[in-house]
Amino acid sequence: MRENIFQAKLIRDLKNLFPGCIVMKNDPNYIQGIPDLLILYGNKWASLECKGSEDAPRQANQTYYVDRMDRMSFSRFIFPENKEEVLNELQQAFYI
């Protein structure tokens, strides 16, 4: 699946799963490697790096920022093959 199609569907799913959340698309040219999406929900936040497939290449610094932001709150690589697992983990993180 193309990443942009997956990302558009994911944003729609996030808004349905977390009513009232704010989903922001980050500018990849501002900080190279920063995750694609920032999700704000209540007093919590998460970031997601979207990939079109599990074996899609990772750009320089993406793993660094996903790991760093996960230590701060919640951050994951997300792709069609792990979408349900990641969304379940995100629900747990937001509702704790």
Protein backbone atom coordinates (compact mmCIF):
# COMPACT_ATOMS: atom_id res chain seq x y z
CA MET A 1 0.00 0.00 0.00
CA ARG A 2 1.26 3.48 -0.75
CA GLU A 3 2.27 5.35 2.39
CA ASN A 4 0.14 8.42 1.67
CA ILE A 5 -3.01 6.28 1.24
CA PHE A 6 -2.26 4.35 4.43
CA GLN A 7 -1.60 7.59 6.31
CA ALA A 8 -4.88 9.19 5.19
CA LYS A 9 -6.86 6.12 6.31
CA LEU A 10 -4.92 6.02 9.59
CA ILE A 11 -5.73 9.66 10.36
CA ARG A 12 -9.42 8.94 9.79
CA ASP A 13 -9.19 5.86 12.06
CA LEU A 14 -7.42 7.84 14.79
CA LYS A 15 -10.10 10.53 14.77
CA ASN A 16 -12.81 7.86 15.08
CA LEU A 17 -10.97 5.95 17.80
CA PHE A 18 -10.12 9.05 19.86
CA PRO A 19 -12.99 11.55 19.47
CA GLY A 20 -11.83 15.13 19.84
CA CYS A 21 -8.17 14.32 19.28
CA ILE A 22 -5.95 16.56 17.19
CA VAL A 23 -3.83 14.84 14.54
CA MET A 24 -1.04 16.96 13.14
CA LYS A 25 1.17 16.09 10.17
CA ASN A 26 4.78 17.07 10.86
CA ASP A 27 6.94 18.82 8.26
CA PRO A 28 9.64 16.33 7.22
CA ASN A 29 11.86 19.20 6.09
CA TYR A 30 11.90 20.88 9.50
CA ILE A 31 13.55 18.10 11.52
CA GLN A 32 14.80 15.23 9.37
CA GLY A 33 13.55 11.92 10.79
CA ILE A 34 10.80 13.29 13.04
CA PRO A 35 7.70 11.02 12.99
CA ASP A 36 4.95 11.80 10.47
CA LEU A 37 2.05 12.29 12.88
CA LEU A 38 1.56 13.89 16.28
CA ILE A 39 -1.64 12.90 18.09
CA LEU A 40 -2.90 15.08 20.95
CA TYR A 41 -5.63 13.58 23.11
CA GLY A 42 -6.70 15.02 26.44
CA ASN A 43 -3.52 15.54 28.42
CA LYS A 44 -1.56 12.89 26.48
CA TRP A 45 0.28 12.74 23.18
CA ALA A 46 1.80 10.21 20.81
CA SER A 47 3.73 10.19 17.57
CA LEU A 48 3.56 7.72 14.70
CA GLU A 49 5.91 7.14 11.79
CA CYS A 50 3.87 5.76 8.89
CA LYS A 51 5.24 3.22 6.45
CA GLY A 52 3.50 1.62 3.48
CA SER A 53 4.72 -1.83 4.50
CA GLU A 54 6.72 -3.57 7.19
CA ASP A 55 9.81 -3.77 4.98
CA ALA A 56 9.69 -0.15 3.74
CA PRO A 57 13.05 1.56 4.23
CA ARG A 58 13.60 3.82 7.22
CA GLN A 59 15.19 7.19 6.67
CA ALA A 60 18.14 8.47 8.65
CA ASN A 61 17.24 9.48 12.22
CA GLN A 62 13.71 7.99 12.13
CA THR A 63 14.56 5.20 14.57
CA TYR A 64 16.34 7.70 16.81
CA TYR A 65 13.30 10.00 17.04
CA VAL A 66 10.75 7.19 17.40
CA ASP A 67 12.79 5.71 20.27
CA ARG A 68 13.38 9.10 21.89
CA MET A 69 9.72 10.14 21.70
CA ASP A 70 8.63 6.72 22.96
CA ARG A 71 10.70 7.30 26.11
CA MET A 72 8.88 10.64 26.55
CA SER A 73 5.35 9.36 25.90
CA PHE A 74 4.39 6.95 23.09
CA SER A 75 5.86 6.54 19.62
CA ARG A 76 5.87 3.71 17.07
CA PHE A 77 6.51 2.82 13.47
CA ILE A 78 3.12 1.88 12.04
CA PHE A 79 2.33 0.02 8.82
CA PRO A 80 -0.60 -2.09 7.59
CA GLU A 81 0.84 -5.29 9.06
CA ASN A 82 1.03 -3.95 12.65
CA LYS A 83 -1.70 -1.30 12.60
CA GLU A 84 -4.15 -3.10 14.90
CA GLU A 85 -1.41 -3.94 17.43
CA VAL A 86 -0.12 -0.35 17.53
CA LEU A 87 -3.62 1.12 17.84
CA ASN A 88 -4.37 -1.28 20.72
CA GLU A 89 -1.15 -0.18 22.46
CA LEU A 90 -2.05 3.45 21.85
CA GLN A 91 -5.51 2.94 23.37
CA GLN A 92 -3.87 1.48 26.46
CA ALA A 93 -1.43 4.40 26.67
CA PHE A 94 -4.17 7.03 26.28
CA TYR A 95 -6.63 5.43 28.69
CA ILE A 96 -4.25 4.69 31.58
